[in-house]
Amino acid sequence: MTDHQQRIHPVVDVEAPAPTTPLVPHGSATSEKGSPIQQRPPQRTIPVRPPPPPRKRSCCCKCICWTVSLIVVLLIILGSTIGILYLVFRPQLPKYSIDSLRISDLRLNFDMTLYAKFDVKITANNPNKKIGIYYEKGGRLSVWYTNSKLCEGSLPKFYQGHQNITKLEVVLTGQTQSGSTLMSALQEQQQTGQIPLDLKVHAPVAVKLGKLKMRKVKILGECKLVVDSLSANNIISIEASNCKFRLKL
């Protein structure tokens, strides 16, 4: 063996096919400069909805709120005003009493209607210290037996001052249908010595507070009377009287 050993190198076959191993890894791309670009796997995107815009109050809603608030304020002011007026003036209903009842005429006509004429004396008492009462035109006073109106008359128009007592004389007249039946019932009732009659009052009035005249209201009243007789041209004795009155706005 020689001193210099012969080294054997592999011979490269220039005609052999090129290696099939890819120079660029799978799943990557090549840029213009030849360098590989890593491709990311596709990602799933979830759409995000924007939050709904805040709702604005409509003009109608605002109008209703303002209207309700205004009504509440007005009611509070009205209630306070009425309370103050009540404490200052201390209003009381007027009082009425029937002093006398006289029958001027009570007869059966040829047409079988019943004609009646009553004279009534009434005392009206205004107990208020700071309130005057205007009795306006249109006041009526009527006398009824059961459900039949016997006669009716007009109340006078006048002003009644503070703590004033006024006596009124009112003439009532009227004609009633089915007079024969009604006259028979009255005569039969007269034998008992107790004849029930209803005297009804309808009086439009205006209240005066100090110097201020208020709007018109109505005084409605009813007096249940029991008389002993219905003889004409005689003063009738009132055995019982129960009067109730109320104010109607």
Protein backbone atom coordinates (compact mmCIF):
# COMPACT_ATOMS: atom_id res chain seq x y z
CA MET A 1 0.00 0.00 0.00
CA THR A 2 1.37 3.27 -0.98
CA ASP A 3 2.07 6.11 1.36
CA HIS A 4 -0.59 8.21 -0.21
CA GLN A 5 -3.85 6.42 -0.13
CA GLN A 6 -6.20 7.16 -2.94
CA ARG A 7 -9.38 8.80 -1.83
CA ILE A 8 -12.60 7.89 -3.64
CA HIS A 9 -15.22 10.68 -4.08
CA PRO A 10 -18.74 10.01 -5.32
CA VAL A 11 -19.25 10.87 -8.87
CA VAL A 12 -22.05 13.27 -9.59
CA ASP A 13 -24.25 12.24 -12.47
CA VAL A 14 -25.11 15.40 -14.30
CA GLU A 15 -27.78 13.61 -16.28
CA ALA A 16 -29.68 12.40 -13.23
CA PRO A 17 -33.14 13.96 -12.71
CA ALA A 18 -33.50 16.82 -10.29
CA PRO A 19 -34.62 16.01 -6.78
CA THR A 20 -38.40 15.99 -6.30
CA THR A 21 -38.30 17.44 -2.81
CA PRO A 22 -40.13 20.85 -2.90
CA LEU A 23 -37.95 23.74 -2.06
CA VAL A 24 -40.92 25.65 -0.59
CA PRO A 25 -42.86 24.01 2.21
CA HIS A 26 -46.45 22.98 1.54
CA GLY A 27 -48.99 25.60 2.48
CA SER A 28 -46.70 28.56 1.83
CA ALA A 29 -46.52 31.00 -1.03
CA THR A 30 -43.62 32.65 -2.69
CA SER A 31 -43.19 36.37 -2.83
CA GLU A 32 -41.85 38.27 -5.78
CA LYS A 33 -38.40 38.07 -4.24
CA GLY A 34 -38.69 34.34 -3.98
CA SER A 35 -39.02 34.10 -0.24
CA PRO A 36 -41.82 31.90 1.03
CA ILE A 37 -44.86 33.51 2.67
CA GLN A 38 -46.68 31.57 5.34
CA GLN A 39 -50.46 31.27 4.68
CA ARG A 40 -52.74 31.36 7.74
CA PRO A 41 -55.61 28.97 7.89
CA PRO A 42 -59.06 30.59 7.20
CA GLN A 43 -60.71 32.03 10.32
CA ARG A 44 -64.48 32.14 11.07
CA THR A 45 -65.76 35.64 11.68
CA ILE A 46 -68.90 36.28 13.76
CA PRO A 47 -70.83 39.42 12.72
CA VAL A 48 -71.31 41.88 15.59
CA ARG A 49 -74.55 43.83 15.53
CA PRO A 50 -74.29 47.46 16.55
CA PRO A 51 -76.28 48.40 19.69
CA PRO A 52 -79.74 49.84 18.95
CA PRO A 53 -79.92 53.62 19.08
CA PRO A 54 -81.60 55.07 22.20
CA ARG A 55 -85.32 55.62 21.75
CA LYS A 56 -86.43 59.20 21.72
CA ARG A 57 -89.67 60.25 23.38
CA SER A 58 -92.25 61.19 20.88
CA CYS A 59 -93.89 64.61 20.92
CA CYS A 60 -97.22 62.98 21.78
CA CYS A 61 -95.77 61.40 24.94
CA LYS A 62 -94.24 64.69 26.05
CA CYS A 63 -97.51 66.49 25.39
CA ILE A 64 -99.45 63.98 27.52
CA CYS A 65 -96.95 64.30 30.38
CA TRP A 66 -97.17 68.10 30.31
CA THR A 67 -100.97 68.00 30.16
CA VAL A 68 -101.25 65.61 33.12
CA SER A 69 -98.80 67.70 35.14
CA LEU A 70 -100.73 70.88 34.35
CA ILE A 71 -104.04 69.28 35.37
CA VAL A 72 -102.54 68.09 38.67
CA VAL A 73 -101.18 71.57 39.42
CA LEU A 74 -104.54 73.18 38.59
CA LEU A 75 -106.38 70.71 40.82
CA ILE A 76 -104.01 71.46 43.69
CA ILE A 77 -104.50 75.22 43.23
CA LEU A 78 -108.29 74.81 42.98
CA GLY A 79 -108.44 72.62 46.08
CA SER A 80 -106.30 75.07 48.04
CA THR A 81 -108.47 78.00 46.94
CA ILE A 82 -111.69 76.22 47.92
CA GLY A 83 -110.20 75.27 51.28
CA ILE A 84 -109.14 78.85 51.99
CA LEU A 85 -112.56 80.23 50.96
CA TYR A 86 -114.31 77.69 53.16
CA LEU A 87 -112.19 78.62 56.19
CA VAL A 88 -112.74 82.34 55.59
CA PHE A 89 -116.47 82.42 54.77
CA ARG A 90 -117.78 79.27 56.52
CA PRO A 91 -120.69 78.79 54.04
CA GLN A 92 -124.05 77.39 55.22
CA LEU A 93 -127.17 76.48 53.30
CA PRO A 94 -130.12 78.84 53.77
CA LYS A 95 -133.00 77.56 55.89
CA TYR A 96 -136.67 77.63 54.95
CA SER A 97 -139.86 77.05 56.88
CA ILE A 98 -143.55 76.97 55.90
CA ASP A 99 -145.45 79.46 58.05
CA SER A 100 -148.96 78.95 56.69
CA LEU A 101 -150.88 77.28 53.89
CA ARG A 102 -154.28 78.51 52.76
CA ILE A 103 -156.51 77.08 50.04
CA SER A 104 -158.26 79.83 48.12
CA ASP A 105 -159.95 77.55 45.62
CA LEU A 106 -160.23 73.80 45.04
CA ARG A 107 -162.88 72.62 42.60
CA LEU A 108 -163.68 70.20 39.82
CA ASN A 109 -164.14 71.86 36.42
CA PHE A 110 -166.59 70.83 33.70
CA ASP A 111 -163.74 69.28 31.69
CA MET A 112 -163.04 67.03 34.68
CA THR A 113 -159.80 68.83 35.57
CA LEU A 114 -159.05 69.78 39.14
CA TYR A 115 -158.35 73.47 39.70
CA ALA A 116 -156.38 74.47 42.81
CA LYS A 117 -155.20 77.80 44.19
CA PHE A 118 -153.00 77.88 47.30
CA ASP A 119 -151.51 80.82 49.24
CA VAL A 120 -148.24 79.92 50.92
CA LYS A 121 -146.18 81.98 53.35
CA ILE A 122 -142.50 81.03 53.63
CA THR A 123 -139.65 82.26 55.80
CA ALA A 124 -136.17 82.24 54.21
CA ASN A 125 -133.24 82.53 56.62
CA ASN A 126 -129.68 83.27 55.49
CA PRO A 127 -127.43 82.32 58.44
CA ASN A 128 -124.14 83.29 56.76
CA LYS A 129 -122.15 86.19 58.20
CA LYS A 130 -120.14 86.97 55.07
CA ILE A 131 -122.25 85.54 52.22
CA GLY A 132 -125.18 87.19 50.42
CA ILE A 133 -127.66 85.35 48.18
CA TYR A 134 -129.16 86.59 44.93
CA TYR A 135 -132.44 84.82 44.15
CA GLU A 136 -132.57 84.93 40.38
CA LYS A 137 -135.50 84.80 37.99
CA GLY A 138 -136.99 81.36 37.34
CA GLY A 139 -137.53 80.10 40.89
CA ARG A 140 -140.53 77.79 41.28
CA LEU A 141 -142.60 76.52 44.20
CA SER A 142 -145.10 73.66 43.75
CA VAL A 143 -147.46 71.52 45.83
CA TRP A 144 -147.89 67.80 45.09
CA TYR A 145 -150.24 65.10 46.29
CA THR A 146 -148.62 61.66 45.74
CA ASN A 147 -147.37 61.95 42.13
CA SER A 148 -149.82 64.63 40.98
CA LYS A 149 -148.90 68.31 40.91
CA LEU A 150 -151.80 70.34 42.28
CA CYS A 151 -150.47 73.88 41.74
CA GLU A 152 -147.33 75.90 41.11
CA GLY A 153 -146.09 79.48 41.49
CA SER A 154 -143.06 81.70 40.89
CA LEU A 155 -140.62 82.79 43.57
CA PRO A 156 -139.79 86.52 43.56
CA LYS A 157 -136.41 87.82 42.48
CA PHE A 158 -134.55 89.54 45.33
CA TYR A 159 -131.25 89.84 47.21
CA GLN A 160 -130.89 88.48 50.73
CA GLY A 161 -128.08 89.97 52.78
CA HIS A 162 -125.93 88.55 55.57
CA GLN A 163 -127.85 86.93 58.42
CA ASN A 164 -131.11 88.16 56.94
CA ILE A 165 -134.60 86.72 57.45
CA THR A 166 -137.08 87.32 54.62
CA LYS A 167 -140.77 86.39 54.58
CA LEU A 168 -142.33 85.50 51.23
CA GLU A 169 -145.94 85.16 50.12
CA VAL A 170 -146.38 83.02 47.03
CA VAL A 171 -149.61 82.30 45.13
CA LEU A 172 -149.80 78.85 43.55
CA THR A 173 -152.32 77.88 40.86
CA GLY A 174 -152.77 74.86 38.61
CA GLN A 175 -155.05 72.43 36.79
CA THR A 176 -154.63 68.66 36.98
CA GLN A 177 -155.96 66.01 34.62
CA SER A 178 -158.07 63.10 35.94
CA GLY A 179 -159.56 65.54 38.40
CA SER A 180 -162.48 63.35 39.49
CA THR A 181 -160.20 60.52 40.57
CA LEU A 182 -157.87 62.90 42.37
CA MET A 183 -160.72 64.74 44.11
CA SER A 184 -162.18 61.45 45.36
CA ALA A 185 -158.79 60.45 46.77
CA LEU A 186 -158.38 63.81 48.53
CA GLN A 187 -161.85 63.67 50.06
CA GLU A 188 -161.25 60.14 51.29
CA GLN A 189 -157.90 61.16 52.78
CA GLN A 190 -159.46 64.21 54.42
CA GLN A 191 -161.72 61.99 56.52
CA THR A 192 -158.63 60.74 58.34
CA GLY A 193 -157.60 64.28 59.28
CA GLN A 194 -154.09 63.75 57.91
CA ILE A 195 -153.44 64.69 54.29
CA PRO A 196 -149.83 64.29 53.06
CA LEU A 197 -148.59 67.04 50.75
CA ASP A 198 -145.17 67.68 49.23
CA LEU A 199 -143.97 71.24 48.74
CA LYS A 200 -141.03 71.37 46.33
CA VAL A 201 -138.62 74.28 45.85
CA HIS A 202 -136.47 74.95 42.78
CA ALA A 203 -134.54 78.21 43.19
CA PRO A 204 -131.64 79.41 41.00
CA VAL A 205 -129.36 81.58 43.13
CA ALA A 206 -126.01 83.35 42.86
CA VAL A 207 -123.74 83.54 45.89
CA LYS A 208 -121.94 86.78 46.78
CA LEU A 209 -118.62 86.36 48.58
CA GLY A 210 -117.59 89.77 49.85
CA LYS A 211 -117.84 91.90 46.71
CA LEU A 212 -117.50 88.98 44.30
CA LYS A 213 -120.66 87.53 42.74
CA MET A 214 -120.20 83.87 41.88
CA ARG A 215 -121.83 81.81 39.12
CA LYS A 216 -125.41 80.57 39.41
CA VAL A 217 -126.25 77.42 41.33
CA LYS A 218 -129.57 75.79 42.24
CA ILE A 219 -131.19 75.27 45.60
CA LEU A 220 -133.40 72.19 45.49
CA GLY A 221 -135.66 71.42 48.42
CA GLU A 222 -138.65 69.40 49.49
CA CYS A 223 -140.93 69.84 52.49
CA LYS A 224 -143.14 66.93 53.46
CA LEU A 225 -146.26 68.35 55.08
CA VAL A 226 -149.19 66.79 56.84
CA VAL A 227 -152.30 69.01 56.95
CA ASP A 228 -155.66 68.44 58.62
CA SER A 229 -157.98 69.70 55.89
CA LEU A 230 -158.29 70.97 52.34
CA SER A 231 -161.34 73.13 52.88
CA ALA A 232 -161.39 76.26 50.72
CA ASN A 233 -161.05 79.72 52.27
CA ASN A 234 -159.73 78.27 55.52
CA ILE A 235 -156.28 78.45 57.02
CA ILE A 236 -155.00 74.91 57.10
CA SER A 237 -153.28 73.59 60.18
CA ILE A 238 -149.82 72.12 59.38
CA GLU A 239 -149.47 69.21 61.77
CA ALA A 240 -146.02 68.07 60.61
CA SER A 241 -143.26 69.52 58.44
CA ASN A 242 -139.95 68.00 57.40
CA CYS A 243 -137.83 70.04 55.01
CA LYS A 244 -134.59 69.01 53.29
CA PHE A 245 -132.54 71.18 50.94
CA ARG A 246 -129.42 70.68 48.87
CA LEU A 247 -127.21 72.70 46.56
CA LYS A 248 -126.80 71.67 42.92
CA LEU A 249 -123.92 73.11 40.93
